[in-house]
Amino acid sequence: MALFALQLKFTDTERRMEVRPAHREYLHSLKDAGKLVTAGPFADQTGALLIYDVADESELRDILARDPYTAADVYEIVTLTEWQPLFPVNA
């Protein structure tokens, strides 16, 4: 398994708010499945940071493809990179 950090920039605030309940439900399912370590928007609501625990980038891309935010086209990926935390992640 590998940890990946994903930084998003929101592009369509109105549409994002419409889709947010479905997106958050999807994130809860990923958290329950052990695929999502943590996630949340930045305080200024311009984007978000998500940490995934997946086999590889291919699995993460599949997860992103199923996210309601992806279908709604409400974000751009700023950074997607494998992450090696200095301190253990408490999942």
PDB file of N, CA and C in Angstrom:
ATOM      1  N   MET A   1       0.842  -1.178   0.000  1.00  0.00           N
ATOM      2  CA  MET A   1       0.000   0.000   0.000  1.00  0.00           C
ATOM      3  C   MET A   1       0.886   1.238   0.000  1.00  0.00           C
ATOM      4  N   ALA A   2       0.331   2.307  -0.545  1.00  0.00           N
ATOM      5  CA  ALA A   2       1.064   3.563  -0.619  1.00  0.00           C
ATOM      6  C   ALA A   2       0.127   4.708  -0.257  1.00  0.00           C
ATOM      7  N   LEU A   3       0.696   5.729   0.342  1.00  0.00           N
ATOM      8  CA  LEU A   3      -0.071   6.928   0.659  1.00  0.00           C
ATOM      9  C   LEU A   3       0.118   7.944  -0.463  1.00  0.00           C
ATOM     10  N   PHE A   4      -0.981   8.572  -0.856  1.00  0.00           N
ATOM     11  CA  PHE A   4      -0.940   9.616  -1.873  1.00  0.00           C
ATOM     12  C   PHE A   4      -1.615  10.860  -1.338  1.00  0.00           C
ATOM     13  N   ALA A   5      -0.974  12.003  -1.567  1.00  0.00           N
ATOM     14  CA  ALA A   5      -1.546  13.298  -1.219  1.00  0.00           C
ATOM     15  C   ALA A   5      -2.116  13.919  -2.490  1.00  0.00           C
ATOM     16  N   LEU A   6      -3.345  14.386  -2.375  1.00  0.00           N
ATOM     17  CA  LEU A   6      -4.031  15.014  -3.499  1.00  0.00           C
ATOM     18  C   LEU A   6      -4.472  16.403  -3.091  1.00  0.00           C
ATOM     19  N   GLN A   7      -4.003  17.411  -3.807  1.00  0.00           N
ATOM     20  CA  GLN A   7      -4.450  18.775  -3.568  1.00  0.00           C
ATOM     21  C   GLN A   7      -5.322  19.194  -4.738  1.00  0.00           C
ATOM     22  N   LEU A   8      -6.521  19.675  -4.412  1.00  0.00           N
ATOM     23  CA  LEU A   8      -7.475  20.106  -5.426  1.00  0.00           C
ATOM     24  C   LEU A   8      -7.694  21.606  -5.367  1.00  0.00           C
ATOM     25  N   LYS A   9      -8.058  22.165  -6.506  1.00  0.00           N
ATOM     26  CA  LYS A   9      -8.508  23.556  -6.597  1.00  0.00           C
ATOM     27  C   LYS A   9      -9.942  23.498  -7.106  1.00  0.00           C
ATOM     28  N   PHE A  10     -10.880  24.086  -6.367  1.00  0.00           N
ATOM     29  CA  PHE A  10     -12.273  24.096  -6.796  1.00  0.00           C
ATOM     30  C   PHE A  10     -12.465  25.107  -7.921  1.00  0.00           C
ATOM     31  N   THR A  11     -13.285  24.728  -8.908  1.00  0.00           N
ATOM     32  CA  THR A  11     -13.467  25.571 -10.093  1.00  0.00           C
ATOM     33  C   THR A  11     -14.896  26.056 -10.296  1.00  0.00           C
ATOM     34  N   ASP A  12     -15.870  25.417  -9.673  1.00  0.00           N
ATOM     35  CA  ASP A  12     -17.276  25.781  -9.868  1.00  0.00           C
ATOM     36  C   ASP A  12     -17.995  25.669  -8.529  1.00  0.00           C
ATOM     37  N   THR A  13     -18.003  26.758  -7.774  1.00  0.00           N
ATOM     38  CA  THR A  13     -18.529  26.738  -6.412  1.00  0.00           C
ATOM     39  C   THR A  13     -19.999  26.369  -6.357  1.00  0.00           C
ATOM     40  N   GLU A  14     -20.806  26.939  -7.215  1.00  0.00           N
ATOM     41  CA  GLU A  14     -22.246  26.665  -7.179  1.00  0.00           C
ATOM     42  C   GLU A  14     -22.529  25.186  -7.442  1.00  0.00           C
ATOM     43  N   ARG A  15     -21.946  24.647  -8.484  1.00  0.00           N
ATOM     44  CA  ARG A  15     -22.162  23.239  -8.821  1.00  0.00           C
ATOM     45  C   ARG A  15     -21.567  22.337  -7.734  1.00  0.00           C
ATOM     46  N   ARG A  16     -20.419  22.724  -7.191  1.00  0.00           N
ATOM     47  CA  ARG A  16     -19.782  21.942  -6.129  1.00  0.00           C
ATOM     48  C   ARG A  16     -20.715  21.788  -4.936  1.00  0.00           C
ATOM     49  N   MET A  17     -21.374  22.852  -4.544  1.00  0.00           N
ATOM     50  CA  MET A  17     -22.278  22.788  -3.398  1.00  0.00           C
ATOM     51  C   MET A  17     -23.471  21.873  -3.675  1.00  0.00           C
ATOM     52  N   GLU A  18     -23.917  21.808  -4.910  1.00  0.00           N
ATOM     53  CA  GLU A  18     -25.021  20.918  -5.279  1.00  0.00           C
ATOM     54  C   GLU A  18     -24.606  19.451  -5.141  1.00  0.00           C
ATOM     55  N   VAL A  19     -23.366  19.162  -5.494  1.00  0.00           N
ATOM     56  CA  VAL A  19     -22.876  17.786  -5.540  1.00  0.00           C
ATOM     57  C   VAL A  19     -22.226  17.357  -4.221  1.00  0.00           C
ATOM     58  N   ARG A  20     -21.934  18.302  -3.356  1.00  0.00           N
ATOM     59  CA  ARG A  20     -21.176  18.004  -2.143  1.00  0.00           C
ATOM     60  C   ARG A  20     -21.766  16.880  -1.287  1.00  0.00           C
ATOM     61  N   PRO A  21     -23.075  16.783  -1.065  1.00  0.00           N
ATOM     62  CA  PRO A  21     -23.572  15.665  -0.254  1.00  0.00           C
ATOM     63  C   PRO A  21     -23.197  14.291  -0.829  1.00  0.00           C
ATOM     64  N   ALA A  22     -23.316  14.122  -2.135  1.00  0.00           N
ATOM     65  CA  ALA A  22     -22.948  12.843  -2.759  1.00  0.00           C
ATOM     66  C   ALA A  22     -21.442  12.613  -2.665  1.00  0.00           C
ATOM     67  N   HIS A  23     -20.665  13.671  -2.836  1.00  0.00           N
ATOM     68  CA  HIS A  23     -19.209  13.572  -2.725  1.00  0.00           C
ATOM     69  C   HIS A  23     -18.815  13.137  -1.317  1.00  0.00           C
ATOM     70  N   ARG A  24     -19.416  13.752  -0.315  1.00  0.00           N
ATOM     71  CA  ARG A  24     -19.065  13.415   1.064  1.00  0.00           C
ATOM     72  C   ARG A  24     -19.511  12.002   1.431  1.00  0.00           C
ATOM     73  N   GLU A  25     -20.625  11.575   0.911  1.00  0.00           N
ATOM     74  CA  GLU A  25     -21.065  10.191   1.124  1.00  0.00           C
ATOM     75  C   GLU A  25     -20.043   9.225   0.520  1.00  0.00           C
ATOM     76  N   TYR A  26     -19.556   9.562  -0.668  1.00  0.00           N
ATOM     77  CA  TYR A  26     -18.533   8.737  -1.319  1.00  0.00           C
ATOM     78  C   TYR A  26     -17.258   8.704  -0.475  1.00  0.00           C
ATOM     79  N   LEU A  27     -16.842   9.857   0.052  1.00  0.00           N
ATOM     80  CA  LEU A  27     -15.648   9.891   0.898  1.00  0.00           C
ATOM     81  C   LEU A  27     -15.825   9.033   2.142  1.00  0.00           C
ATOM     82  N   HIS A  28     -17.010   9.066   2.748  1.00  0.00           N
ATOM     83  CA  HIS A  28     -17.274   8.221   3.917  1.00  0.00           C
ATOM     84  C   HIS A  28     -17.111   6.742   3.564  1.00  0.00           C
ATOM     85  N   SER A  29     -17.584   6.350   2.390  1.00  0.00           N
ATOM     86  CA  SER A  29     -17.446   4.947   1.984  1.00  0.00           C
ATOM     87  C   SER A  29     -15.980   4.579   1.793  1.00  0.00           C
ATOM     88  N   LEU A  30     -15.185   5.501   1.277  1.00  0.00           N
ATOM     89  CA  LEU A  30     -13.752   5.253   1.113  1.00  0.00           C
ATOM     90  C   LEU A  30     -13.060   5.168   2.467  1.00  0.00           C
ATOM     91  N   LYS A  31     -13.449   6.024   3.396  1.00  0.00           N
ATOM     92  CA  LYS A  31     -12.878   5.994   4.747  1.00  0.00           C
ATOM     93  C   LYS A  31     -13.202   4.657   5.407  1.00  0.00           C
ATOM     94  N   ASP A  32     -14.463   4.229   5.292  1.00  0.00           N
ATOM     95  CA  ASP A  32     -14.881   2.955   5.877  1.00  0.00           C
ATOM     96  C   ASP A  32     -14.128   1.772   5.264  1.00  0.00           C
ATOM     97  N   ALA A  33     -13.766   1.882   3.986  1.00  0.00           N
ATOM     98  CA  ALA A  33     -13.049   0.812   3.293  1.00  0.00           C
ATOM     99  C   ALA A  33     -11.537   0.874   3.531  1.00  0.00           C
ATOM    100  N   GLY A  34     -11.077   1.893   4.263  1.00  0.00           N
ATOM    101  CA  GLY A  34      -9.653   2.022   4.538  1.00  0.00           C
ATOM    102  C   GLY A  34      -8.845   2.639   3.408  1.00  0.00           C
ATOM    103  N   LYS A  35      -9.525   3.231   2.441  1.00  0.00           N
ATOM    104  CA  LYS A  35      -8.834   3.832   1.287  1.00  0.00           C
ATOM    105  C   LYS A  35      -8.537   5.315   1.484  1.00  0.00           C
ATOM    106  N   LEU A  36      -9.277   5.975   2.366  1.00  0.00           N
ATOM    107  CA  LEU A  36      -9.110   7.409   2.611  1.00  0.00           C
ATOM    108  C   LEU A  36      -8.637   7.605   4.040  1.00  0.00           C
ATOM    109  N   VAL A  37      -7.500   8.271   4.206  1.00  0.00           N
ATOM    110  CA  VAL A  37      -6.945   8.523   5.526  1.00  0.00           C
ATOM    111  C   VAL A  37      -7.594   9.756   6.133  1.00  0.00           C
ATOM    112  N   THR A  38      -7.622  10.838   5.389  1.00  0.00           N
ATOM    113  CA  THR A  38      -8.233  12.079   5.835  1.00  0.00           C
ATOM    114  C   THR A  38      -8.518  12.955   4.627  1.00  0.00           C
ATOM    115  N   ALA A  39      -9.416  13.911   4.814  1.00  0.00           N
ATOM    116  CA  ALA A  39      -9.774  14.816   3.719  1.00  0.00           C
ATOM    117  C   ALA A  39     -10.451  16.042   4.295  1.00  0.00           C
ATOM    118  N   GLY A  40     -10.350  17.133   3.568  1.00  0.00           N
ATOM    119  CA  GLY A  40     -11.078  18.324   3.981  1.00  0.00           C
ATOM    120  C   GLY A  40     -10.712  19.520   3.136  1.00  0.00           C
ATOM    121  N   PRO A  41     -11.655  20.470   3.071  1.00  0.00           N
ATOM    122  CA  PRO A  41     -11.406  21.686   2.308  1.00  0.00           C
ATOM    123  C   PRO A  41     -10.486  22.632   3.078  1.00  0.00           C
ATOM    124  N   PHE A  42      -9.836  23.517   2.347  1.00  0.00           N
ATOM    125  CA  PHE A  42      -9.058  24.577   2.976  1.00  0.00           C
ATOM    126  C   PHE A  42     -10.035  25.584   3.588  1.00  0.00           C
ATOM    127  N   ALA A  43      -9.592  26.306   4.596  1.00  0.00           N
ATOM    128  CA  ALA A  43     -10.456  27.241   5.311  1.00  0.00           C
ATOM    129  C   ALA A  43     -11.075  28.284   4.387  1.00  0.00           C
ATOM    130  N   ASP A  44     -10.357  28.652   3.330  1.00  0.00           N
ATOM    131  CA  ASP A  44     -10.894  29.666   2.409  1.00  0.00           C
ATOM    132  C   ASP A  44     -11.772  29.068   1.311  1.00  0.00           C
ATOM    133  N   GLN A  45     -11.991  27.751   1.360  1.00  0.00           N
ATOM    134  CA  GLN A  45     -12.875  27.041   0.433  1.00  0.00           C
ATOM    135  C   GLN A  45     -12.433  27.104  -1.035  1.00  0.00           C
ATOM    136  N   THR A  46     -11.142  27.333  -1.271  1.00  0.00           N
ATOM    137  CA  THR A  46     -10.642  27.388  -2.644  1.00  0.00           C
ATOM    138  C   THR A  46     -10.203  26.024  -3.165  1.00  0.00           C
ATOM    139  N   GLY A  47     -10.072  25.068  -2.255  1.00  0.00           N
ATOM    140  CA  GLY A  47      -9.611  23.749  -2.649  1.00  0.00           C
ATOM    141  C   GLY A  47      -9.639  22.817  -1.461  1.00  0.00           C
ATOM    142  N   ALA A  48      -8.965  21.680  -1.591  1.00  0.00           N
ATOM    143  CA  ALA A  48      -8.973  20.678  -0.532  1.00  0.00           C
ATOM    144  C   ALA A  48      -7.710  19.839  -0.585  1.00  0.00           C
ATOM    145  N   LEU A  49      -7.466  19.137   0.518  1.00  0.00           N
ATOM    146  CA  LEU A  49      -6.360  18.197   0.623  1.00  0.00           C
ATOM    147  C   LEU A  49      -6.933  16.858   1.050  1.00  0.00           C
ATOM    148  N   LEU A  50      -6.542  15.801   0.351  1.00  0.00           N
ATOM    149  CA  LEU A  50      -6.999  14.449   0.664  1.00  0.00           C
ATOM    150  C   LEU A  50      -5.792  13.528   0.694  1.00  0.00           C
ATOM    151  N   ILE A  51      -5.788  12.600   1.641  1.00  0.00           N
ATOM    152  CA  ILE A  51      -4.724  11.609   1.743  1.00  0.00           C
ATOM    153  C   ILE A  51      -5.365  10.233   1.571  1.00  0.00           C
ATOM    154  N   TYR A  52      -4.885   9.484   0.589  1.00  0.00           N
ATOM    155  CA  TYR A  52      -5.418   8.162   0.275  1.00  0.00           C
ATOM    156  C   TYR A  52      -4.389   7.090   0.611  1.00  0.00           C
ATOM    157  N   ASP A  53      -4.868   5.922   0.999  1.00  0.00           N
ATOM    158  CA  ASP A  53      -4.035   4.750   1.242  1.00  0.00           C
ATOM    159  C   ASP A  53      -4.482   3.686   0.238  1.00  0.00           C
ATOM    160  N   VAL A  54      -3.733   3.565  -0.851  1.00  0.00           N
ATOM    161  CA  VAL A  54      -4.127   2.707  -1.968  1.00  0.00           C
ATOM    162  C   VAL A  54      -2.935   1.876  -2.436  1.00  0.00           C
ATOM    163  N   ALA A  55      -3.206   0.917  -3.297  1.00  0.00           N
ATOM    164  CA  ALA A  55      -2.132   0.055  -3.805  1.00  0.00           C
ATOM    165  C   ALA A  55      -1.146   0.837  -4.666  1.00  0.00           C
ATOM    166  N   ASP A  56      -1.681   1.716  -5.507  1.00  0.00           N
ATOM    167  CA  ASP A  56      -0.832   2.462  -6.435  1.00  0.00           C
ATOM    168  C   ASP A  56      -1.635   3.612  -7.041  1.00  0.00           C
ATOM    169  N   GLU A  57      -0.975   4.407  -7.865  1.00  0.00           N
ATOM    170  CA  GLU A  57      -1.637   5.563  -8.471  1.00  0.00           C
ATOM    171  C   GLU A  57      -2.799   5.154  -9.369  1.00  0.00           C
ATOM    172  N   SER A  58      -2.691   4.006  -9.994  1.00  0.00           N
ATOM    173  CA  SER A  58      -3.767   3.520 -10.852  1.00  0.00           C
ATOM    174  C   SER A  58      -5.056   3.321 -10.049  1.00  0.00           C
ATOM    175  N   GLU A  59      -4.932   2.722  -8.867  1.00  0.00           N
ATOM    176  CA  GLU A  59      -6.118   2.547  -8.021  1.00  0.00           C
ATOM    177  C   GLU A  59      -6.690   3.901  -7.617  1.00  0.00           C
ATOM    178  N   LEU A  60      -5.825   4.839  -7.290  1.00  0.00           N
ATOM    179  CA  LEU A  60      -6.301   6.173  -6.914  1.00  0.00           C
ATOM    180  C   LEU A  60      -7.028   6.835  -8.079  1.00  0.00           C
ATOM    181  N   ARG A  61      -6.497   6.705  -9.273  1.00  0.00           N
ATOM    182  CA  ARG A  61      -7.172   7.296 -10.448  1.00  0.00           C
ATOM    183  C   ARG A  61      -8.556   6.675 -10.644  1.00  0.00           C
ATOM    184  N   ASP A  62      -8.688   5.375 -10.395  1.00  0.00           N
ATOM    185  CA  ASP A  62      -9.997   4.714 -10.478  1.00  0.00           C
ATOM    186  C   ASP A  62     -10.957   5.268  -9.429  1.00  0.00           C
ATOM    187  N   ILE A  63     -10.449   5.472  -8.222  1.00  0.00           N
ATOM    188  CA  ILE A  63     -11.260   6.044  -7.147  1.00  0.00           C
ATOM    189  C   ILE A  63     -11.726   7.442  -7.522  1.00  0.00           C
ATOM    190  N   LEU A  64     -10.824   8.248  -8.047  1.00  0.00           N
ATOM    191  CA  LEU A  64     -11.179   9.608  -8.446  1.00  0.00           C
ATOM    192  C   LEU A  64     -12.207   9.612  -9.571  1.00  0.00           C
ATOM    193  N   ALA A  65     -12.097   8.672 -10.480  1.00  0.00           N
ATOM    194  CA  ALA A  65     -13.040   8.610 -11.602  1.00  0.00           C
ATOM    195  C   ALA A  65     -14.469   8.361 -11.123  1.00  0.00           C
ATOM    196  N   ARG A  66     -14.633   7.703  -9.983  1.00  0.00           N
ATOM    197  CA  ARG A  66     -15.969   7.398  -9.445  1.00  0.00           C
ATOM    198  C   ARG A  66     -16.493   8.487  -8.504  1.00  0.00           C
ATOM    199  N   ASP A  67     -15.679   9.473  -8.193  1.00  0.00           N
ATOM    200  CA  ASP A  67     -16.084  10.535  -7.262  1.00  0.00           C
ATOM    201  C   ASP A  67     -17.105  11.452  -7.942  1.00  0.00           C
ATOM    202  N   PRO A  68     -18.220  11.748  -7.278  1.00  0.00           N
ATOM    203  CA  PRO A  68     -19.214  12.661  -7.861  1.00  0.00           C
ATOM    204  C   PRO A  68     -18.641  14.030  -8.244  1.00  0.00           C
ATOM    205  N   TYR A  69     -17.622  14.488  -7.551  1.00  0.00           N
ATOM    206  CA  TYR A  69     -16.990  15.763  -7.928  1.00  0.00           C
ATOM    207  C   TYR A  69     -16.348  15.668  -9.319  1.00  0.00           C
ATOM    208  N   THR A  70     -15.809  14.511  -9.648  1.00  0.00           N
ATOM    209  CA  THR A  70     -15.189  14.340 -10.960  1.00  0.00           C
ATOM    210  C   THR A  70     -16.240  14.429 -12.057  1.00  0.00           C
ATOM    211  N   ALA A  71     -17.341  13.716 -11.884  1.00  0.00           N
ATOM    212  CA  ALA A  71     -18.417  13.755 -12.887  1.00  0.00           C
ATOM    213  C   ALA A  71     -18.988  15.160 -13.036  1.00  0.00           C
ATOM    214  N   ALA A  72     -19.024  15.914 -11.938  1.00  0.00           N
ATOM    215  CA  ALA A  72     -19.570  17.278 -11.970  1.00  0.00           C
ATOM    216  C   ALA A  72     -18.554  18.295 -12.491  1.00  0.00           C
ATOM    217  N   ASP A  73     -17.297  17.886 -12.636  1.00  0.00           N
ATOM    218  CA  ASP A  73     -16.237  18.753 -13.153  1.00  0.00           C
ATOM    219  C   ASP A  73     -16.107  20.040 -12.331  1.00  0.00           C
ATOM    220  N   VAL A  74     -15.922  19.869 -11.003  1.00  0.00           N
ATOM    221  CA  VAL A  74     -15.865  21.028 -10.118  1.00  0.00           C
ATOM    222  C   VAL A  74     -14.479  21.266  -9.511  1.00  0.00           C
ATOM    223  N   TYR A  75     -13.474  20.558 -10.004  1.00  0.00           N
ATOM    224  CA  TYR A  75     -12.132  20.756  -9.463  1.00  0.00           C
ATOM    225  C   TYR A  75     -11.083  20.488 -10.527  1.00  0.00           C
ATOM    226  N   GLU A  76      -9.877  20.986 -10.220  1.00  0.00           N
ATOM    227  CA  GLU A  76      -8.679  20.671 -10.981  1.00  0.00           C
ATOM    228  C   GLU A  76      -7.680  20.071 -10.003  1.00  0.00           C
ATOM    229  N   ILE A  77      -6.900  19.119 -10.447  1.00  0.00           N
ATOM    230  CA  ILE A  77      -5.835  18.569  -9.608  1.00  0.00           C
ATOM    231  C   ILE A  77      -4.645  19.522  -9.647  1.00  0.00           C
ATOM    232  N   VAL A  78      -4.240  19.976  -8.473  1.00  0.00           N
ATOM    233  CA  VAL A  78      -3.059  20.827  -8.348  1.00  0.00           C
ATOM    234  C   VAL A  78      -1.830  19.939  -8.174  1.00  0.00           C
ATOM    235  N   THR A  79      -1.929  18.981  -7.263  1.00  0.00           N
ATOM    236  CA  THR A  79      -0.829  18.064  -6.979  1.00  0.00           C
ATOM    237  C   THR A  79      -1.386  16.683  -6.667  1.00  0.00           C
ATOM    238  N   LEU A  80      -0.793  15.673  -7.235  1.00  0.00           N
ATOM    239  CA  LEU A  80      -1.081  14.283  -6.896  1.00  0.00           C
ATOM    240  C   LEU A  80       0.274  13.604  -6.819  1.00  0.00           C
ATOM    241  N   THR A  81       0.663  13.222  -5.602  1.00  0.00           N
ATOM    242  CA  THR A  81       2.001  12.673  -5.422  1.00  0.00           C
ATOM    243  C   THR A  81       2.021  11.636  -4.306  1.00  0.00           C
ATOM    244  N   GLU A  82       2.889  10.647  -4.454  1.00  0.00           N
ATOM    245  CA  GLU A  82       3.056   9.678  -3.380  1.00  0.00           C
ATOM    246  C   GLU A  82       3.703  10.391  -2.203  1.00  0.00           C
ATOM    247  N   TRP A  83       3.228  10.057  -1.009  1.00  0.00           N
ATOM    248  CA  TRP A  83       3.629  10.767   0.200  1.00  0.00           C
ATOM    249  C   TRP A  83       4.263   9.808   1.176  1.00  0.00           C
ATOM    250  N   GLN A  84       5.353  10.227   1.788  1.00  0.00           N
ATOM    251  CA  GLN A  84       6.026   9.432   2.805  1.00  0.00           C
ATOM    252  C   GLN A  84       6.037  10.247   4.101  1.00  0.00           C
ATOM    253  N   PRO A  85       5.043  10.033   4.964  1.00  0.00           N
ATOM    254  CA  PRO A  85       4.953  10.826   6.176  1.00  0.00           C
ATOM    255  C   PRO A  85       6.132  10.564   7.120  1.00  0.00           C
ATOM    256  N   LEU A  86       6.548  11.596   7.786  1.00  0.00           N
ATOM    257  CA  LEU A  86       7.631  11.501   8.757  1.00  0.00           C
ATOM    258  C   LEU A  86       7.146  10.811  10.019  1.00  0.00           C
ATOM    259  N   PHE A  87       5.910  11.075  10.400  1.00  0.00           N
ATOM    260  CA  PHE A  87       5.328  10.497  11.602  1.00  0.00           C
ATOM    261  C   PHE A  87       4.194   9.564  11.192  1.00  0.00           C
ATOM    262  N   PRO A  88       3.934   8.538  11.974  1.00  0.00           N
ATOM    263  CA  PRO A  88       2.868   7.586  11.623  1.00  0.00           C
ATOM    264  C   PRO A  88       1.520   8.294  11.482  1.00  0.00           C
ATOM    265  N   VAL A  89       0.741   7.808  10.556  1.00  0.00           N
ATOM    266  CA  VAL A  89      -0.605   8.316  10.348  1.00  0.00           C
ATOM    267  C   VAL A  89      -1.540   7.502  11.227  1.00  0.00           C
ATOM    268  N   ASN A  90      -2.307   8.170  12.037  1.00  0.00           N
ATOM    269  CA  ASN A  90      -3.298   7.492  12.879  1.00  0.00           C
ATOM    270  C   ASN A  90      -4.590   7.383  12.096  1.00  0.00           C
ATOM    271  N   ALA A  91      -4.851   6.200  11.545  1.00  0.00           N
ATOM    272  CA  ALA A  91      -6.037   6.017  10.719  1.00  0.00           C
ATOM    273  C   ALA A  91      -7.227   5.609  11.538  1.00  0.00           C
TER     274      ALA A  91
END
